Amino acid sequence: MTESQFGGTEGVPPPNYPPPSNYPLPPQYPAAGGYSDPSAPYGRHPITGEPLSDKSKVVAGLLQLLGLLGLVGIGRIYLGYTGLGIAQLLVGLVTCGIGAVIWGIIDSILILTDKVRDPQGRPLRDGT
C-alpha cells in the first residue's frame, strides 16, 4: 500500500477551491466576462478586423436552401434584403420552382462562402 491511501498527500493534487470573491485578478487578464468592444459587440473578422454582423451566415444559408422546397428568398429576408427576398419568391412562383431551386442553391453558396454581407456592409458571423 502507498502512503496516499493512509492519509498522506503524495501524488494527490491540492483541492481546487475558488478564490474569495474580493480576490483581485492579475493585471494580465481581462476583466471578468472577457474583453468587450462596444463598436463590435459580435466580435471582429479574424483577417480584416471588421466588426461582424448580428446575422449568422449559417442560418441565412440554411434558410436560403429552403429554395429546394420552392421557398427561396427567406435567407435574404432574414439578412435584411427584403426587396431581393420578395423578388426571389416571385421568381420561384413564376417559374414553378425551377428558378427558385437554381437561384436558392447559388445564393446559399454565396452566403456560406462569405461573398454576401449584411445591409450595413458588415461580414456575416459564423455560427448561430
N, C-alpha and C. Protein backbone atom coordinates (compact mmCIF):
# COMPACT_ATOMS: atom_id res chain seq x y z
N MET A 1 0.84 -1.18 0.00
CA MET A 1 0.00 0.00 0.00
C MET A 1 0.88 1.25 0.00
N THR A 2 0.37 2.31 -0.61
CA THR A 2 1.13 3.56 -0.63
C THR A 2 0.66 4.47 0.48
N GLU A 3 1.44 5.50 0.75
CA GLU A 3 1.10 6.42 1.83
C GLU A 3 -0.17 7.20 1.55
N SER A 4 -0.47 7.50 0.26
CA SER A 4 -1.64 8.30 -0.05
C SER A 4 -2.92 7.58 0.34
N GLN A 5 -2.89 6.27 0.40
CA GLN A 5 -4.09 5.54 0.81
C GLN A 5 -4.31 5.62 2.31
N PHE A 6 -3.26 6.00 3.06
CA PHE A 6 -3.37 6.10 4.50
C PHE A 6 -3.40 7.54 4.99
N GLY A 7 -3.85 8.46 4.12
CA GLY A 7 -3.98 9.84 4.56
C GLY A 7 -2.84 10.73 4.16
N GLY A 8 -1.81 10.22 3.48
CA GLY A 8 -0.71 11.05 3.03
C GLY A 8 -1.14 11.91 1.85
N THR A 9 -0.34 12.88 1.47
CA THR A 9 -0.70 13.78 0.38
C THR A 9 0.17 13.62 -0.84
N GLU A 10 1.00 12.57 -0.88
CA GLU A 10 1.86 12.37 -2.04
C GLU A 10 1.02 11.94 -3.25
N GLY A 11 1.21 12.60 -4.37
CA GLY A 11 0.52 12.23 -5.61
C GLY A 11 -0.93 12.67 -5.66
N VAL A 12 -1.41 13.34 -4.63
CA VAL A 12 -2.79 13.81 -4.61
C VAL A 12 -2.77 15.31 -4.90
N PRO A 13 -3.48 15.74 -5.96
CA PRO A 13 -3.46 17.18 -6.25
C PRO A 13 -4.20 17.96 -5.17
N PRO A 14 -3.79 19.20 -4.95
CA PRO A 14 -4.49 20.01 -3.94
C PRO A 14 -5.93 20.29 -4.39
N PRO A 15 -6.83 20.52 -3.46
CA PRO A 15 -8.21 20.80 -3.86
C PRO A 15 -8.28 22.09 -4.65
N ASN A 16 -9.22 22.17 -5.57
CA ASN A 16 -9.37 23.33 -6.45
C ASN A 16 -10.47 24.24 -5.89
N TYR A 17 -10.14 24.98 -4.86
CA TYR A 17 -11.12 25.89 -4.27
C TYR A 17 -11.13 27.20 -5.05
N PRO A 18 -12.30 27.80 -5.26
CA PRO A 18 -12.32 29.10 -5.95
C PRO A 18 -11.74 30.18 -5.05
N PRO A 19 -11.15 31.22 -5.65
CA PRO A 19 -10.62 32.31 -4.83
C PRO A 19 -11.77 33.07 -4.16
N PRO A 20 -11.49 33.79 -3.09
CA PRO A 20 -12.55 34.58 -2.45
C PRO A 20 -13.11 35.61 -3.42
N SER A 21 -14.32 36.06 -3.17
CA SER A 21 -14.99 36.98 -4.11
C SER A 21 -14.28 38.32 -4.20
N ASN A 22 -13.55 38.73 -3.18
CA ASN A 22 -12.84 40.01 -3.23
C ASN A 22 -11.41 39.87 -3.72
N TYR A 23 -11.05 38.71 -4.25
CA TYR A 23 -9.70 38.44 -4.73
C TYR A 23 -9.48 39.16 -6.05
N PRO A 24 -8.49 40.05 -6.17
CA PRO A 24 -8.28 40.78 -7.43
C PRO A 24 -7.67 39.89 -8.50
N LEU A 25 -8.07 40.13 -9.75
CA LEU A 25 -7.49 39.38 -10.87
C LEU A 25 -6.10 39.91 -11.17
N PRO A 26 -5.21 39.05 -11.62
CA PRO A 26 -3.88 39.53 -12.03
C PRO A 26 -4.02 40.52 -13.18
N PRO A 27 -3.11 41.48 -13.30
CA PRO A 27 -3.25 42.53 -14.30
C PRO A 27 -3.19 42.05 -15.75
N GLN A 28 -2.61 40.90 -16.05
CA GLN A 28 -2.50 40.46 -17.43
C GLN A 28 -3.80 39.87 -17.97
N TYR A 29 -4.78 39.60 -17.10
CA TYR A 29 -6.04 39.01 -17.53
C TYR A 29 -7.09 40.10 -17.73
N PRO A 30 -7.99 39.93 -18.73
CA PRO A 30 -9.06 40.92 -18.89
C PRO A 30 -10.06 40.80 -17.75
N ALA A 31 -10.90 41.78 -17.62
CA ALA A 31 -11.92 41.77 -16.57
C ALA A 31 -12.83 40.56 -16.74
N ALA A 32 -13.49 40.17 -15.67
CA ALA A 32 -14.40 39.02 -15.72
C ALA A 32 -15.43 39.24 -16.80
N GLY A 33 -15.71 38.21 -17.59
CA GLY A 33 -16.65 38.33 -18.69
C GLY A 33 -15.94 38.53 -20.01
N GLY A 34 -14.64 38.72 -20.01
CA GLY A 34 -13.89 38.85 -21.24
C GLY A 34 -13.85 40.27 -21.76
N TYR A 35 -13.14 40.45 -22.83
CA TYR A 35 -12.97 41.75 -23.45
C TYR A 35 -14.23 42.12 -24.19
N SER A 36 -14.66 43.34 -24.07
CA SER A 36 -15.87 43.80 -24.74
C SER A 36 -15.54 45.04 -25.56
N ASP A 37 -15.82 44.97 -26.85
CA ASP A 37 -15.59 46.10 -27.74
C ASP A 37 -16.95 46.67 -28.12
N PRO A 38 -17.29 47.86 -27.65
CA PRO A 38 -18.62 48.40 -27.93
C PRO A 38 -18.87 48.64 -29.42
N SER A 39 -17.82 48.83 -30.19
CA SER A 39 -18.03 49.05 -31.63
C SER A 39 -18.17 47.74 -32.39
N ALA A 40 -17.92 46.61 -31.74
CA ALA A 40 -18.06 45.29 -32.37
C ALA A 40 -18.62 44.30 -31.35
N PRO A 41 -19.92 44.41 -31.01
CA PRO A 41 -20.47 43.54 -29.97
C PRO A 41 -20.49 42.06 -30.34
N TYR A 42 -20.41 41.71 -31.63
CA TYR A 42 -20.42 40.31 -32.06
C TYR A 42 -19.04 39.84 -32.47
N GLY A 43 -18.03 40.62 -32.15
CA GLY A 43 -16.66 40.24 -32.47
C GLY A 43 -16.18 40.90 -33.75
N ARG A 44 -14.97 40.55 -34.12
CA ARG A 44 -14.36 41.11 -35.33
C ARG A 44 -13.93 39.98 -36.25
N HIS A 45 -13.92 40.28 -37.54
CA HIS A 45 -13.48 39.31 -38.55
C HIS A 45 -12.02 38.99 -38.27
N PRO A 46 -11.64 37.70 -38.25
CA PRO A 46 -10.27 37.35 -37.85
C PRO A 46 -9.19 37.84 -38.80
N ILE A 47 -9.51 38.10 -40.05
CA ILE A 47 -8.48 38.52 -41.01
C ILE A 47 -8.52 40.03 -41.22
N THR A 48 -9.70 40.58 -41.48
CA THR A 48 -9.80 42.01 -41.80
C THR A 48 -9.97 42.89 -40.57
N GLY A 49 -10.45 42.33 -39.46
CA GLY A 49 -10.66 43.13 -38.26
C GLY A 49 -11.95 43.93 -38.28
N GLU A 50 -12.78 43.73 -39.31
CA GLU A 50 -14.05 44.46 -39.38
C GLU A 50 -15.03 43.94 -38.34
N PRO A 51 -15.92 44.80 -37.82
CA PRO A 51 -16.94 44.30 -36.89
C PRO A 51 -17.88 43.34 -37.61
N LEU A 52 -18.28 42.27 -36.91
CA LEU A 52 -19.16 41.27 -37.50
C LEU A 52 -20.62 41.68 -37.37
N SER A 53 -21.43 41.17 -38.26
CA SER A 53 -22.87 41.41 -38.26
C SER A 53 -23.54 40.64 -37.13
N ASP A 54 -24.74 41.06 -36.78
CA ASP A 54 -25.52 40.30 -35.82
C ASP A 54 -26.22 39.12 -36.48
N LYS A 55 -26.14 39.01 -37.79
CA LYS A 55 -26.77 37.91 -38.53
C LYS A 55 -25.76 36.80 -38.78
N SER A 56 -26.24 35.56 -38.75
CA SER A 56 -25.40 34.39 -38.92
C SER A 56 -25.44 33.91 -40.37
N LYS A 57 -24.26 33.62 -40.92
CA LYS A 57 -24.23 33.12 -42.29
C LYS A 57 -24.75 31.69 -42.38
N VAL A 58 -24.62 30.91 -41.31
CA VAL A 58 -25.13 29.54 -41.31
C VAL A 58 -26.65 29.54 -41.37
N VAL A 59 -27.27 30.37 -40.53
CA VAL A 59 -28.73 30.46 -40.53
C VAL A 59 -29.24 30.98 -41.87
N ALA A 60 -28.61 32.03 -42.39
CA ALA A 60 -29.04 32.60 -43.66
C ALA A 60 -28.86 31.59 -44.80
N GLY A 61 -27.75 30.88 -44.82
CA GLY A 61 -27.51 29.90 -45.87
C GLY A 61 -28.50 28.75 -45.83
N LEU A 62 -28.81 28.28 -44.62
CA LEU A 62 -29.77 27.18 -44.49
C LEU A 62 -31.19 27.65 -44.85
N LEU A 63 -31.54 28.87 -44.46
CA LEU A 63 -32.85 29.39 -44.85
C LEU A 63 -32.93 29.55 -46.36
N GLN A 64 -31.83 29.95 -46.98
CA GLN A 64 -31.83 30.11 -48.43
C GLN A 64 -31.96 28.76 -49.13
N LEU A 65 -31.47 27.70 -48.50
CA LEU A 65 -31.60 26.36 -49.08
C LEU A 65 -33.03 25.86 -49.07
N LEU A 66 -33.92 26.57 -48.38
CA LEU A 66 -35.34 26.21 -48.47
C LEU A 66 -35.84 26.39 -49.91
N GLY A 67 -35.01 27.00 -50.75
CA GLY A 67 -35.33 27.12 -52.17
C GLY A 67 -35.49 25.76 -52.82
N LEU A 68 -34.87 24.75 -52.24
CA LEU A 68 -35.04 23.41 -52.77
C LEU A 68 -36.49 22.96 -52.62
N LEU A 69 -37.21 23.58 -51.68
CA LEU A 69 -38.63 23.28 -51.50
C LEU A 69 -39.52 24.33 -52.15
N GLY A 70 -38.90 25.27 -52.85
CA GLY A 70 -39.67 26.30 -53.54
C GLY A 70 -39.86 27.57 -52.73
N LEU A 71 -39.22 27.68 -51.58
CA LEU A 71 -39.37 28.87 -50.73
C LEU A 71 -38.10 29.72 -50.74
N VAL A 72 -37.57 30.00 -51.90
CA VAL A 72 -36.34 30.79 -51.99
C VAL A 72 -36.62 32.22 -51.54
N GLY A 73 -35.61 32.87 -50.97
CA GLY A 73 -35.72 34.26 -50.56
C GLY A 73 -35.81 34.45 -49.06
N ILE A 74 -36.10 33.40 -48.32
CA ILE A 74 -36.24 33.52 -46.87
C ILE A 74 -34.90 33.92 -46.23
N GLY A 75 -33.80 33.40 -46.73
CA GLY A 75 -32.48 33.75 -46.20
C GLY A 75 -32.15 35.21 -46.44
N ARG A 76 -32.51 35.72 -47.61
CA ARG A 76 -32.27 37.14 -47.91
C ARG A 76 -33.15 38.05 -47.06
N ILE A 77 -34.37 37.63 -46.80
CA ILE A 77 -35.26 38.42 -45.94
C ILE A 77 -34.69 38.44 -44.52
N TYR A 78 -34.18 37.30 -44.05
CA TYR A 78 -33.55 37.23 -42.73
C TYR A 78 -32.37 38.19 -42.63
N LEU A 79 -31.58 38.30 -43.70
CA LEU A 79 -30.41 39.18 -43.68
C LEU A 79 -30.79 40.66 -43.73
N GLY A 80 -32.00 40.96 -44.17
CA GLY A 80 -32.42 42.35 -44.26
C GLY A 80 -32.61 42.84 -45.68
N TYR A 81 -32.38 41.99 -46.66
CA TYR A 81 -32.59 42.34 -48.06
C TYR A 81 -34.02 41.94 -48.45
N THR A 82 -35.00 42.67 -47.94
CA THR A 82 -36.40 42.30 -48.13
C THR A 82 -36.80 42.35 -49.60
N GLY A 83 -36.39 43.38 -50.32
CA GLY A 83 -36.75 43.51 -51.73
C GLY A 83 -36.22 42.35 -52.56
N LEU A 84 -34.98 41.99 -52.35
CA LEU A 84 -34.39 40.87 -53.08
C LEU A 84 -35.06 39.55 -52.69
N GLY A 85 -35.40 39.40 -51.41
CA GLY A 85 -36.07 38.18 -50.97
C GLY A 85 -37.44 38.03 -51.60
N ILE A 86 -38.19 39.12 -51.68
CA ILE A 86 -39.51 39.07 -52.32
C ILE A 86 -39.37 38.80 -53.81
N ALA A 87 -38.36 39.39 -54.44
CA ALA A 87 -38.11 39.13 -55.87
C ALA A 87 -37.81 37.65 -56.09
N GLN A 88 -37.03 37.05 -55.20
CA GLN A 88 -36.73 35.63 -55.34
C GLN A 88 -37.98 34.78 -55.15
N LEU A 89 -38.84 35.17 -54.20
CA LEU A 89 -40.10 34.45 -54.02
C LEU A 89 -40.97 34.53 -55.27
N LEU A 90 -41.03 35.71 -55.88
CA LEU A 90 -41.84 35.89 -57.09
C LEU A 90 -41.29 35.08 -58.26
N VAL A 91 -39.97 35.07 -58.41
CA VAL A 91 -39.37 34.27 -59.49
C VAL A 91 -39.67 32.80 -59.27
N GLY A 92 -39.66 32.36 -58.02
CA GLY A 92 -40.00 30.97 -57.72
C GLY A 92 -41.43 30.66 -58.08
N LEU A 93 -42.33 31.60 -57.84
CA LEU A 93 -43.74 31.37 -58.19
C LEU A 93 -43.95 31.36 -59.70
N VAL A 94 -43.32 32.30 -60.40
CA VAL A 94 -43.50 32.42 -61.85
C VAL A 94 -42.90 31.23 -62.59
N THR A 95 -41.77 30.73 -62.12
CA THR A 95 -41.10 29.63 -62.82
C THR A 95 -41.48 28.27 -62.26
N CYS A 96 -42.50 28.23 -61.44
CA CYS A 96 -42.98 26.98 -60.83
C CYS A 96 -41.89 26.27 -60.02
N GLY A 97 -41.01 27.02 -59.42
CA GLY A 97 -40.00 26.45 -58.53
C GLY A 97 -38.67 26.17 -59.18
N ILE A 98 -38.60 26.11 -60.53
CA ILE A 98 -37.32 25.80 -61.19
C ILE A 98 -36.30 26.91 -60.92
N GLY A 99 -36.71 28.15 -61.13
CA GLY A 99 -35.82 29.28 -60.85
C GLY A 99 -35.46 29.37 -59.39
N ALA A 100 -36.41 28.98 -58.55
CA ALA A 100 -36.17 29.04 -57.11
C ALA A 100 -35.08 28.06 -56.70
N VAL A 101 -35.09 26.88 -57.25
CA VAL A 101 -34.07 25.88 -56.89
C VAL A 101 -32.69 26.34 -57.32
N ILE A 102 -32.57 26.80 -58.56
CA ILE A 102 -31.27 27.22 -59.07
C ILE A 102 -30.76 28.45 -58.31
N TRP A 103 -31.62 29.47 -58.19
CA TRP A 103 -31.22 30.70 -57.51
C TRP A 103 -30.94 30.43 -56.03
N GLY A 104 -31.72 29.58 -55.40
CA GLY A 104 -31.53 29.27 -53.99
C GLY A 104 -30.21 28.58 -53.71
N ILE A 105 -29.84 27.62 -54.57
CA ILE A 105 -28.57 26.91 -54.38
C ILE A 105 -27.39 27.85 -54.57
N ILE A 106 -27.43 28.64 -55.64
CA ILE A 106 -26.33 29.57 -55.90
C ILE A 106 -26.22 30.61 -54.80
N ASP A 107 -27.35 31.16 -54.38
CA ASP A 107 -27.34 32.19 -53.35
C ASP A 107 -26.89 31.63 -52.00
N SER A 108 -27.29 30.42 -51.67
CA SER A 108 -26.84 29.84 -50.40
C SER A 108 -25.34 29.58 -50.41
N ILE A 109 -24.78 29.19 -51.55
CA ILE A 109 -23.33 29.01 -51.66
C ILE A 109 -22.63 30.35 -51.47
N LEU A 110 -23.16 31.40 -52.09
CA LEU A 110 -22.57 32.72 -51.93
C LEU A 110 -22.60 33.18 -50.47
N ILE A 111 -23.72 32.92 -49.79
CA ILE A 111 -23.84 33.32 -48.39
C ILE A 111 -22.86 32.54 -47.52
N LEU A 112 -22.78 31.25 -47.71
CA LEU A 112 -21.93 30.41 -46.86
C LEU A 112 -20.44 30.58 -47.12
N THR A 113 -20.06 31.15 -48.27
CA THR A 113 -18.64 31.36 -48.59
C THR A 113 -18.21 32.81 -48.39
N ASP A 114 -18.94 33.55 -47.57
CA ASP A 114 -18.58 34.94 -47.21
C ASP A 114 -18.60 35.92 -48.37
N LYS A 115 -19.39 35.68 -49.39
CA LYS A 115 -19.48 36.61 -50.51
C LYS A 115 -20.61 37.62 -50.31
N VAL A 116 -21.46 37.41 -49.30
CA VAL A 116 -22.59 38.28 -49.03
C VAL A 116 -22.38 38.93 -47.67
N ARG A 117 -22.69 40.22 -47.58
CA ARG A 117 -22.61 40.96 -46.32
C ARG A 117 -24.00 41.43 -45.93
N ASP A 118 -24.13 41.92 -44.72
CA ASP A 118 -25.43 42.44 -44.29
C ASP A 118 -25.66 43.82 -44.93
N PRO A 119 -26.86 44.39 -44.82
CA PRO A 119 -27.13 45.67 -45.46
C PRO A 119 -26.22 46.82 -44.98
N GLN A 120 -25.62 46.71 -43.81
CA GLN A 120 -24.70 47.72 -43.32
C GLN A 120 -23.27 47.50 -43.81
N GLY A 121 -23.04 46.45 -44.61
CA GLY A 121 -21.73 46.17 -45.17
C GLY A 121 -20.82 45.36 -44.27
N ARG A 122 -21.34 44.83 -43.17
CA ARG A 122 -20.52 44.05 -42.25
C ARG A 122 -20.50 42.59 -42.67
N PRO A 123 -19.38 41.89 -42.48
CA PRO A 123 -19.34 40.46 -42.79
C PRO A 123 -20.23 39.69 -41.82
N LEU A 124 -20.85 38.61 -42.34
CA LEU A 124 -21.71 37.77 -41.51
C LEU A 124 -20.87 36.97 -40.54
N ARG A 125 -21.43 36.73 -39.35
CA ARG A 125 -20.67 35.97 -38.34
C ARG A 125 -20.93 34.47 -38.54
N ASP A 126 -19.98 33.66 -38.06
CA ASP A 126 -20.13 32.21 -38.11
C ASP A 126 -21.07 31.78 -36.99
N GLY A 127 -21.61 30.58 -37.11
CA GLY A 127 -22.45 30.03 -36.05
C GLY A 127 -23.85 30.58 -36.05
N THR A 128 -24.57 30.27 -34.98
CA THR A 128 -25.96 30.69 -34.89
C THR A 128 -26.14 31.91 -34.04
